[in-house]
Amino acid sequence: YDEAGRALGLALLQEPDRLLEPVNAARSAAWFWQTRGLNALADDRSDDDDDGDFVSITKIINGGTTGLSERRRYWAQARRTLGLD
């Protein structure tokens, strides 16, 4: 909260519920994604292991792989819905 609050100009240690506000929730998620270099893993490249990247992103965000199979199902559904498969 401290690091995100400083980056976003929010007093999150004193007012953590500020992250319940949609704009601040989105900003904090974007800040986390950017500061952890997740775009480099998420970018589609033909010469890498997409599932390995998916697992790496999951570990960075969640600290482990709990719920990974469910996230894979959600991702597959999203890809079908977006016409990416």
PDB file of N, CA and C in Angstrom:
ATOM      1  N   TYR A   1       0.822  -1.190   0.000  1.00  0.00           N
ATOM      2  CA  TYR A   1       0.000   0.000   0.000  1.00  0.00           C
ATOM      3  C   TYR A   1       0.864   1.252   0.000  1.00  0.00           C
ATOM      4  N   ASP A   2       1.945   1.190   0.749  1.00  0.00           N
ATOM      5  CA  ASP A   2       2.817   2.361   0.815  1.00  0.00           C
ATOM      6  C   ASP A   2       3.415   2.679  -0.548  1.00  0.00           C
ATOM      7  N   GLU A   3       3.988   1.676  -1.182  1.00  0.00           N
ATOM      8  CA  GLU A   3       4.637   1.888  -2.486  1.00  0.00           C
ATOM      9  C   GLU A   3       3.622   2.334  -3.539  1.00  0.00           C
ATOM     10  N   ALA A   4       2.500   1.675  -3.598  1.00  0.00           N
ATOM     11  CA  ALA A   4       1.461   2.054  -4.567  1.00  0.00           C
ATOM     12  C   ALA A   4       0.922   3.443  -4.256  1.00  0.00           C
ATOM     13  N   GLY A   5       0.696   3.714  -2.997  1.00  0.00           N
ATOM     14  CA  GLY A   5       0.186   5.025  -2.604  1.00  0.00           C
ATOM     15  C   GLY A   5       1.120   6.148  -3.000  1.00  0.00           C
ATOM     16  N   ARG A   6       2.414   5.944  -2.767  1.00  0.00           N
ATOM     17  CA  ARG A   6       3.385   6.975  -3.167  1.00  0.00           C
ATOM     18  C   ARG A   6       3.377   7.164  -4.672  1.00  0.00           C
ATOM     19  N   ALA A   7       3.337   6.067  -5.417  1.00  0.00           N
ATOM     20  CA  ALA A   7       3.358   6.154  -6.879  1.00  0.00           C
ATOM     21  C   ALA A   7       2.102   6.823  -7.429  1.00  0.00           C
ATOM     22  N   LEU A   8       0.975   6.592  -6.779  1.00  0.00           N
ATOM     23  CA  LEU A   8      -0.296   7.107  -7.288  1.00  0.00           C
ATOM     24  C   LEU A   8      -0.732   8.406  -6.625  1.00  0.00           C
ATOM     25  N   GLY A   9       0.047   8.865  -5.647  1.00  0.00           N
ATOM     26  CA  GLY A   9      -0.315  10.098  -4.954  1.00  0.00           C
ATOM     27  C   GLY A   9      -1.539   9.935  -4.070  1.00  0.00           C
ATOM     28  N   LEU A  10      -1.673   8.749  -3.459  1.00  0.00           N
ATOM     29  CA  LEU A  10      -2.798   8.463  -2.581  1.00  0.00           C
ATOM     30  C   LEU A  10      -2.284   8.037  -1.206  1.00  0.00           C
ATOM     31  N   ALA A  11      -2.970   8.438  -0.160  1.00  0.00           N
ATOM     32  CA  ALA A  11      -2.592   8.061   1.206  1.00  0.00           C
ATOM     33  C   ALA A  11      -3.216   6.698   1.542  1.00  0.00           C
ATOM     34  N   LEU A  12      -2.725   5.650   0.892  1.00  0.00           N
ATOM     35  CA  LEU A  12      -3.352   4.342   1.032  1.00  0.00           C
ATOM     36  C   LEU A  12      -3.120   3.694   2.393  1.00  0.00           C
ATOM     37  N   LEU A  13      -2.050   4.035   3.069  1.00  0.00           N
ATOM     38  CA  LEU A  13      -1.848   3.482   4.405  1.00  0.00           C
ATOM     39  C   LEU A  13      -2.906   4.020   5.364  1.00  0.00           C
ATOM     40  N   GLN A  14      -3.272   5.280   5.191  1.00  0.00           N
ATOM     41  CA  GLN A  14      -4.283   5.889   6.035  1.00  0.00           C
ATOM     42  C   GLN A  14      -5.703   5.638   5.520  1.00  0.00           C
ATOM     43  N   GLU A  15      -5.850   5.507   4.210  1.00  0.00           N
ATOM     44  CA  GLU A  15      -7.168   5.346   3.598  1.00  0.00           C
ATOM     45  C   GLU A  15      -7.154   4.206   2.564  1.00  0.00           C
ATOM     46  N   PRO A  16      -6.991   2.957   3.008  1.00  0.00           N
ATOM     47  CA  PRO A  16      -6.911   1.843   2.059  1.00  0.00           C
ATOM     48  C   PRO A  16      -8.187   1.667   1.234  1.00  0.00           C
ATOM     49  N   ASP A  17      -9.308   2.121   1.756  1.00  0.00           N
ATOM     50  CA  ASP A  17     -10.556   1.982   1.011  1.00  0.00           C
ATOM     51  C   ASP A  17     -10.600   2.834  -0.249  1.00  0.00           C
ATOM     52  N   ARG A  18      -9.618   3.704  -0.427  1.00  0.00           N
ATOM     53  CA  ARG A  18      -9.547   4.463  -1.678  1.00  0.00           C
ATOM     54  C   ARG A  18      -9.402   3.516  -2.873  1.00  0.00           C
ATOM     55  N   LEU A  19      -8.876   2.313  -2.623  1.00  0.00           N
ATOM     56  CA  LEU A  19      -8.729   1.337  -3.707  1.00  0.00           C
ATOM     57  C   LEU A  19     -10.058   0.695  -4.093  1.00  0.00           C
ATOM     58  N   LEU A  20     -11.096   0.942  -3.325  1.00  0.00           N
ATOM     59  CA  LEU A  20     -12.426   0.459  -3.691  1.00  0.00           C
ATOM     60  C   LEU A  20     -13.060   1.333  -4.759  1.00  0.00           C
ATOM     61  N   GLU A  21     -12.524   2.522  -4.948  1.00  0.00           N
ATOM     62  CA  GLU A  21     -13.023   3.423  -5.985  1.00  0.00           C
ATOM     63  C   GLU A  21     -12.533   2.900  -7.335  1.00  0.00           C
ATOM     64  N   PRO A  22     -13.440   2.720  -8.296  1.00  0.00           N
ATOM     65  CA  PRO A  22     -13.051   2.097  -9.577  1.00  0.00           C
ATOM     66  C   PRO A  22     -11.830   2.723 -10.242  1.00  0.00           C
ATOM     67  N   VAL A  23     -11.736   4.026 -10.276  1.00  0.00           N
ATOM     68  CA  VAL A  23     -10.590   4.645 -10.952  1.00  0.00           C
ATOM     69  C   VAL A  23      -9.287   4.328 -10.224  1.00  0.00           C
ATOM     70  N   ASN A  24      -9.309   4.317  -8.897  1.00  0.00           N
ATOM     71  CA  ASN A  24      -8.096   3.998  -8.146  1.00  0.00           C
ATOM     72  C   ASN A  24      -7.769   2.512  -8.216  1.00  0.00           C
ATOM     73  N   ALA A  25      -8.777   1.675  -8.271  1.00  0.00           N
ATOM     74  CA  ALA A  25      -8.540   0.237  -8.440  1.00  0.00           C
ATOM     75  C   ALA A  25      -7.850  -0.016  -9.780  1.00  0.00           C
ATOM     76  N   ALA A  26      -8.348   0.627 -10.827  1.00  0.00           N
ATOM     77  CA  ALA A  26      -7.747   0.456 -12.159  1.00  0.00           C
ATOM     78  C   ALA A  26      -6.337   1.021 -12.192  1.00  0.00           C
ATOM     79  N   ARG A  27      -6.143   2.192 -11.601  1.00  0.00           N
ATOM     80  CA  ARG A  27      -4.801   2.794 -11.590  1.00  0.00           C
ATOM     81  C   ARG A  27      -3.810   1.926 -10.826  1.00  0.00           C
ATOM     82  N   SER A  28      -4.238   1.363  -9.691  1.00  0.00           N
ATOM     83  CA  SER A  28      -3.317   0.533  -8.908  1.00  0.00           C
ATOM     84  C   SER A  28      -2.990  -0.761  -9.646  1.00  0.00           C
ATOM     85  N   ALA A  29      -3.976  -1.334 -10.328  1.00  0.00           N
ATOM     86  CA  ALA A  29      -3.718  -2.544 -11.109  1.00  0.00           C
ATOM     87  C   ALA A  29      -2.742  -2.254 -12.247  1.00  0.00           C
ATOM     88  N   ALA A  30      -2.940  -1.133 -12.932  1.00  0.00           N
ATOM     89  CA  ALA A  30      -2.041  -0.753 -14.025  1.00  0.00           C
ATOM     90  C   ALA A  30      -0.646  -0.474 -13.491  1.00  0.00           C
ATOM     91  N   TRP A  31      -0.549   0.195 -12.355  1.00  0.00           N
ATOM     92  CA  TRP A  31       0.754   0.466 -11.722  1.00  0.00           C
ATOM     93  C   TRP A  31       1.462  -0.849 -11.398  1.00  0.00           C
ATOM     94  N   PHE A  32       0.744  -1.804 -10.783  1.00  0.00           N
ATOM     95  CA  PHE A  32       1.339  -3.088 -10.428  1.00  0.00           C
ATOM     96  C   PHE A  32       1.833  -3.807 -11.676  1.00  0.00           C
ATOM     97  N   TRP A  33       0.981  -3.871 -12.700  1.00  0.00           N
ATOM     98  CA  TRP A  33       1.317  -4.560 -13.949  1.00  0.00           C
ATOM     99  C   TRP A  33       2.583  -3.949 -14.559  1.00  0.00           C
ATOM    100  N   GLN A  34       2.641  -2.635 -14.607  1.00  0.00           N
ATOM    101  CA  GLN A  34       3.771  -1.938 -15.234  1.00  0.00           C
ATOM    102  C   GLN A  34       5.049  -2.109 -14.419  1.00  0.00           C
ATOM    103  N   THR A  35       4.952  -1.960 -13.098  1.00  0.00           N
ATOM    104  CA  THR A  35       6.158  -2.016 -12.271  1.00  0.00           C
ATOM    105  C   THR A  35       6.721  -3.420 -12.133  1.00  0.00           C
ATOM    106  N   ARG A  36       5.933  -4.422 -12.450  1.00  0.00           N
ATOM    107  CA  ARG A  36       6.410  -5.807 -12.380  1.00  0.00           C
ATOM    108  C   ARG A  36       6.826  -6.338 -13.747  1.00  0.00           C
ATOM    109  N   GLY A  37       6.777  -5.488 -14.773  1.00  0.00           N
ATOM    110  CA  GLY A  37       7.209  -5.884 -16.107  1.00  0.00           C
ATOM    111  C   GLY A  37       6.341  -6.956 -16.751  1.00  0.00           C
ATOM    112  N   LEU A  38       5.066  -6.968 -16.437  1.00  0.00           N
ATOM    113  CA  LEU A  38       4.206  -8.047 -16.915  1.00  0.00           C
ATOM    114  C   LEU A  38       3.866  -7.943 -18.398  1.00  0.00           C
ATOM    115  N   ASN A  39       3.963  -6.760 -18.985  1.00  0.00           N
ATOM    116  CA  ASN A  39       3.711  -6.660 -20.427  1.00  0.00           C
ATOM    117  C   ASN A  39       4.699  -7.494 -21.220  1.00  0.00           C
ATOM    118  N   ALA A  40       5.948  -7.513 -20.781  1.00  0.00           N
ATOM    119  CA  ALA A  40       6.967  -8.291 -21.495  1.00  0.00           C
ATOM    120  C   ALA A  40       6.587  -9.771 -21.535  1.00  0.00           C
ATOM    121  N   LEU A  41       5.964 -10.258 -20.459  1.00  0.00           N
ATOM    122  CA  LEU A  41       5.529 -11.656 -20.439  1.00  0.00           C
ATOM    123  C   LEU A  41       4.236 -11.855 -21.222  1.00  0.00           C
ATOM    124  N   ALA A  42       3.355 -10.872 -21.167  1.00  0.00           N
ATOM    125  CA  ALA A  42       2.041 -11.015 -21.796  1.00  0.00           C
ATOM    126  C   ALA A  42       2.063 -10.796 -23.302  1.00  0.00           C
ATOM    127  N   ASP A  43       3.037 -10.048 -23.794  1.00  0.00           N
ATOM    128  CA  ASP A  43       3.100  -9.794 -25.233  1.00  0.00           C
ATOM    129  C   ASP A  43       3.247 -11.116 -25.985  1.00  0.00           C
ATOM    130  N   ASP A  44       2.464 -11.271 -27.033  1.00  0.00           N
ATOM    131  CA  ASP A  44       2.480 -12.502 -27.809  1.00  0.00           C
ATOM    132  C   ASP A  44       3.688 -12.522 -28.730  1.00  0.00           C
ATOM    133  N   ARG A  45       4.521 -13.531 -28.531  1.00  0.00           N
ATOM    134  CA  ARG A  45       5.683 -13.733 -29.403  1.00  0.00           C
ATOM    135  C   ARG A  45       5.639 -15.183 -29.863  1.00  0.00           C
ATOM    136  N   SER A  46       5.954 -15.398 -31.098  1.00  0.00           N
ATOM    137  CA  SER A  46       5.868 -16.756 -31.646  1.00  0.00           C
ATOM    138  C   SER A  46       6.992 -17.657 -31.156  1.00  0.00           C
ATOM    139  N   ASP A  47       8.038 -17.074 -30.604  1.00  0.00           N
ATOM    140  CA  ASP A  47       9.211 -17.870 -30.229  1.00  0.00           C
ATOM    141  C   ASP A  47       9.312 -18.152 -28.728  1.00  0.00           C
ATOM    142  N   ASP A  48       8.194 -17.988 -28.000  1.00  0.00           N
ATOM    143  CA  ASP A  48       8.282 -18.250 -26.566  1.00  0.00           C
ATOM    144  C   ASP A  48       7.175 -19.199 -26.115  1.00  0.00           C
ATOM    145  N   ASP A  49       7.216 -19.546 -24.859  1.00  0.00           N
ATOM    146  CA  ASP A  49       6.275 -20.485 -24.253  1.00  0.00           C
ATOM    147  C   ASP A  49       5.132 -19.703 -23.620  1.00  0.00           C
ATOM    148  N   ASP A  50       4.012 -19.585 -24.329  1.00  0.00           N
ATOM    149  CA  ASP A  50       2.887 -18.793 -23.835  1.00  0.00           C
ATOM    150  C   ASP A  50       2.349 -19.313 -22.504  1.00  0.00           C
ATOM    151  N   ASP A  51       2.249 -20.630 -22.352  1.00  0.00           N
ATOM    152  CA  ASP A  51       1.751 -21.164 -21.087  1.00  0.00           C
ATOM    153  C   ASP A  51       2.740 -20.889 -19.962  1.00  0.00           C
ATOM    154  N   GLY A  52       4.007 -20.986 -20.254  1.00  0.00           N
ATOM    155  CA  GLY A  52       5.026 -20.662 -19.251  1.00  0.00           C
ATOM    156  C   GLY A  52       4.931 -19.208 -18.828  1.00  0.00           C
ATOM    157  N   ASP A  53       4.680 -18.321 -19.797  1.00  0.00           N
ATOM    158  CA  ASP A  53       4.493 -16.905 -19.481  1.00  0.00           C
ATOM    159  C   ASP A  53       3.251 -16.709 -18.613  1.00  0.00           C
ATOM    160  N   PHE A  54       2.177 -17.425 -18.931  1.00  0.00           N
ATOM    161  CA  PHE A  54       0.938 -17.352 -18.167  1.00  0.00           C
ATOM    162  C   PHE A  54       1.184 -17.761 -16.715  1.00  0.00           C
ATOM    163  N   VAL A  55       1.933 -18.830 -16.527  1.00  0.00           N
ATOM    164  CA  VAL A  55       2.262 -19.305 -15.178  1.00  0.00           C
ATOM    165  C   VAL A  55       3.137 -18.274 -14.459  1.00  0.00           C
ATOM    166  N   SER A  56       4.099 -17.697 -15.152  1.00  0.00           N
ATOM    167  CA  SER A  56       4.965 -16.690 -14.541  1.00  0.00           C
ATOM    168  C   SER A  56       4.170 -15.468 -14.096  1.00  0.00           C
ATOM    169  N   ILE A  57       3.256 -15.009 -14.930  1.00  0.00           N
ATOM    170  CA  ILE A  57       2.411 -13.867 -14.578  1.00  0.00           C
ATOM    171  C   ILE A  57       1.571 -14.208 -13.343  1.00  0.00           C
ATOM    172  N   THR A  58       1.004 -15.412 -13.331  1.00  0.00           N
ATOM    173  CA  THR A  58       0.200 -15.847 -12.189  1.00  0.00           C
ATOM    174  C   THR A  58       1.016 -15.828 -10.906  1.00  0.00           C
ATOM    175  N   LYS A  59       2.237 -16.334 -10.961  1.00  0.00           N
ATOM    176  CA  LYS A  59       3.100 -16.367  -9.776  1.00  0.00           C
ATOM    177  C   LYS A  59       3.435 -14.961  -9.296  1.00  0.00           C
ATOM    178  N   ILE A  60       3.696 -14.051 -10.223  1.00  0.00           N
ATOM    179  CA  ILE A  60       4.029 -12.675  -9.841  1.00  0.00           C
ATOM    180  C   ILE A  60       2.835 -11.999  -9.183  1.00  0.00           C
ATOM    181  N   ILE A  61       1.651 -12.188  -9.750  1.00  0.00           N
ATOM    182  CA  ILE A  61       0.468 -11.529  -9.206  1.00  0.00           C
ATOM    183  C   ILE A  61       0.006 -12.187  -7.911  1.00  0.00           C
ATOM    184  N   ASN A  62      -0.030 -13.509  -7.884  1.00  0.00           N
ATOM    185  CA  ASN A  62      -0.624 -14.222  -6.749  1.00  0.00           C
ATOM    186  C   ASN A  62       0.372 -14.854  -5.794  1.00  0.00           C
ATOM    187  N   GLY A  63       1.636 -14.844  -6.129  1.00  0.00           N
ATOM    188  CA  GLY A  63       2.630 -15.442  -5.257  1.00  0.00           C
ATOM    189  C   GLY A  63       2.704 -16.957  -5.353  1.00  0.00           C
ATOM    190  N   GLY A  64       1.958 -17.543  -6.248  1.00  0.00           N
ATOM    191  CA  GLY A  64       1.939 -18.991  -6.424  1.00  0.00           C
ATOM    192  C   GLY A  64       1.004 -19.352  -7.559  1.00  0.00           C
ATOM    193  N   THR A  65       0.628 -20.609  -7.621  1.00  0.00           N
ATOM    194  CA  THR A  65      -0.208 -21.062  -8.737  1.00  0.00           C
ATOM    195  C   THR A  65      -1.584 -21.561  -8.293  1.00  0.00           C
ATOM    196  N   THR A  66      -1.981 -21.268  -7.069  1.00  0.00           N
ATOM    197  CA  THR A  66      -3.317 -21.654  -6.623  1.00  0.00           C
ATOM    198  C   THR A  66      -4.354 -21.062  -7.566  1.00  0.00           C
ATOM    199  N   GLY A  67      -5.280 -21.879  -8.032  1.00  0.00           N
ATOM    200  CA  GLY A  67      -6.329 -21.422  -8.936  1.00  0.00           C
ATOM    201  C   GLY A  67      -5.907 -21.313 -10.390  1.00  0.00           C
ATOM    202  N   LEU A  68      -4.732 -21.813 -10.717  1.00  0.00           N
ATOM    203  CA  LEU A  68      -4.214 -21.690 -12.081  1.00  0.00           C
ATOM    204  C   LEU A  68      -5.124 -22.361 -13.111  1.00  0.00           C
ATOM    205  N   SER A  69      -5.639 -23.542 -12.815  1.00  0.00           N
ATOM    206  CA  SER A  69      -6.482 -24.234 -13.799  1.00  0.00           C
ATOM    207  C   SER A  69      -7.754 -23.430 -14.082  1.00  0.00           C
ATOM    208  N   GLU A  70      -8.303 -22.809 -13.070  1.00  0.00           N
ATOM    209  CA  GLU A  70      -9.494 -21.977 -13.274  1.00  0.00           C
ATOM    210  C   GLU A  70      -9.159 -20.755 -14.132  1.00  0.00           C
ATOM    211  N   ARG A  71      -8.024 -20.116 -13.856  1.00  0.00           N
ATOM    212  CA  ARG A  71      -7.596 -18.965 -14.667  1.00  0.00           C
ATOM    213  C   ARG A  71      -7.354 -19.378 -16.114  1.00  0.00           C
ATOM    214  N   ARG A  72      -6.814 -20.569 -16.333  1.00  0.00           N
ATOM    215  CA  ARG A  72      -6.620 -21.060 -17.709  1.00  0.00           C
ATOM    216  C   ARG A  72      -7.960 -21.192 -18.427  1.00  0.00           C
ATOM    217  N   ARG A  73      -8.965 -21.701 -17.719  1.00  0.00           N
ATOM    218  CA  ARG A  73     -10.304 -21.823 -18.324  1.00  0.00           C
ATOM    219  C   ARG A  73     -10.876 -20.447 -18.658  1.00  0.00           C
ATOM    220  N   TYR A  74     -10.740 -19.499 -17.740  1.00  0.00           N
ATOM    221  CA  TYR A  74     -11.227 -18.139 -17.999  1.00  0.00           C
ATOM    222  C   TYR A  74     -10.507 -17.526 -19.194  1.00  0.00           C
ATOM    223  N   TRP A  75      -9.198 -17.717 -19.274  1.00  0.00           N
ATOM    224  CA  TRP A  75      -8.407 -17.159 -20.373  1.00  0.00           C
ATOM    225  C   TRP A  75      -8.831 -17.787 -21.709  1.00  0.00           C
ATOM    226  N   ALA A  76      -9.059 -19.100 -21.701  1.00  0.00           N
ATOM    227  CA  ALA A  76      -9.503 -19.780 -22.934  1.00  0.00           C
ATOM    228  C   ALA A  76     -10.859 -19.235 -23.373  1.00  0.00           C
ATOM    229  N   GLN A  77     -11.769 -19.032 -22.423  1.00  0.00           N
ATOM    230  CA  GLN A  77     -13.084 -18.477 -22.756  1.00  0.00           C
ATOM    231  C   GLN A  77     -12.948 -17.053 -23.296  1.00  0.00           C
ATOM    232  N   ALA A  78     -12.110 -16.257 -22.679  1.00  0.00           N
ATOM    233  CA  ALA A  78     -11.907 -14.878 -23.151  1.00  0.00           C
ATOM    234  C   ALA A  78     -11.338 -14.878 -24.556  1.00  0.00           C
ATOM    235  N   ARG A  79     -10.382 -15.738 -24.840  1.00  0.00           N
ATOM    236  CA  ARG A  79      -9.798 -15.820 -26.176  1.00  0.00           C
ATOM    237  C   ARG A  79     -10.858 -16.222 -27.207  1.00  0.00           C
ATOM    238  N   ARG A  80     -11.702 -17.189 -26.869  1.00  0.00           N
ATOM    239  CA  ARG A  80     -12.779 -17.591 -27.782  1.00  0.00           C
ATOM    240  C   ARG A  80     -13.744 -16.416 -28.009  1.00  0.00           C
ATOM    241  N   THR A  81     -14.128 -15.743 -26.949  1.00  0.00           N
ATOM    242  CA  THR A  81     -15.069 -14.623 -27.029  1.00  0.00           C
ATOM    243  C   THR A  81     -14.505 -13.503 -27.886  1.00  0.00           C
ATOM    244  N   LEU A  82     -13.205 -13.254 -27.759  1.00  0.00           N
ATOM    245  CA  LEU A  82     -12.559 -12.179 -28.525  1.00  0.00           C
ATOM    246  C   LEU A  82     -12.159 -12.619 -29.941  1.00  0.00           C
ATOM    247  N   GLY A  83     -12.397 -13.878 -30.277  1.00  0.00           N
ATOM    248  CA  GLY A  83     -12.046 -14.390 -31.587  1.00  0.00           C
ATOM    249  C   GLY A  83     -10.557 -14.553 -31.805  1.00  0.00           C
ATOM    250  N   LEU A  84      -9.821 -14.813 -30.730  1.00  0.00           N
ATOM    251  CA  LEU A  84      -8.367 -14.962 -30.831  1.00  0.00           C
ATOM    252  C   LEU A  84      -7.944 -16.408 -31.054  1.00  0.00           C
ATOM    253  N   ASP A  85      -8.875 -17.331 -30.964  1.00  0.00           N
ATOM    254  CA  ASP A  85      -8.545 -18.743 -31.200  1.00  0.00           C
ATOM    255  C   ASP A  85      -9.231 -19.238 -32.458  1.00  0.00           C
TER     256      ASP A  85
END
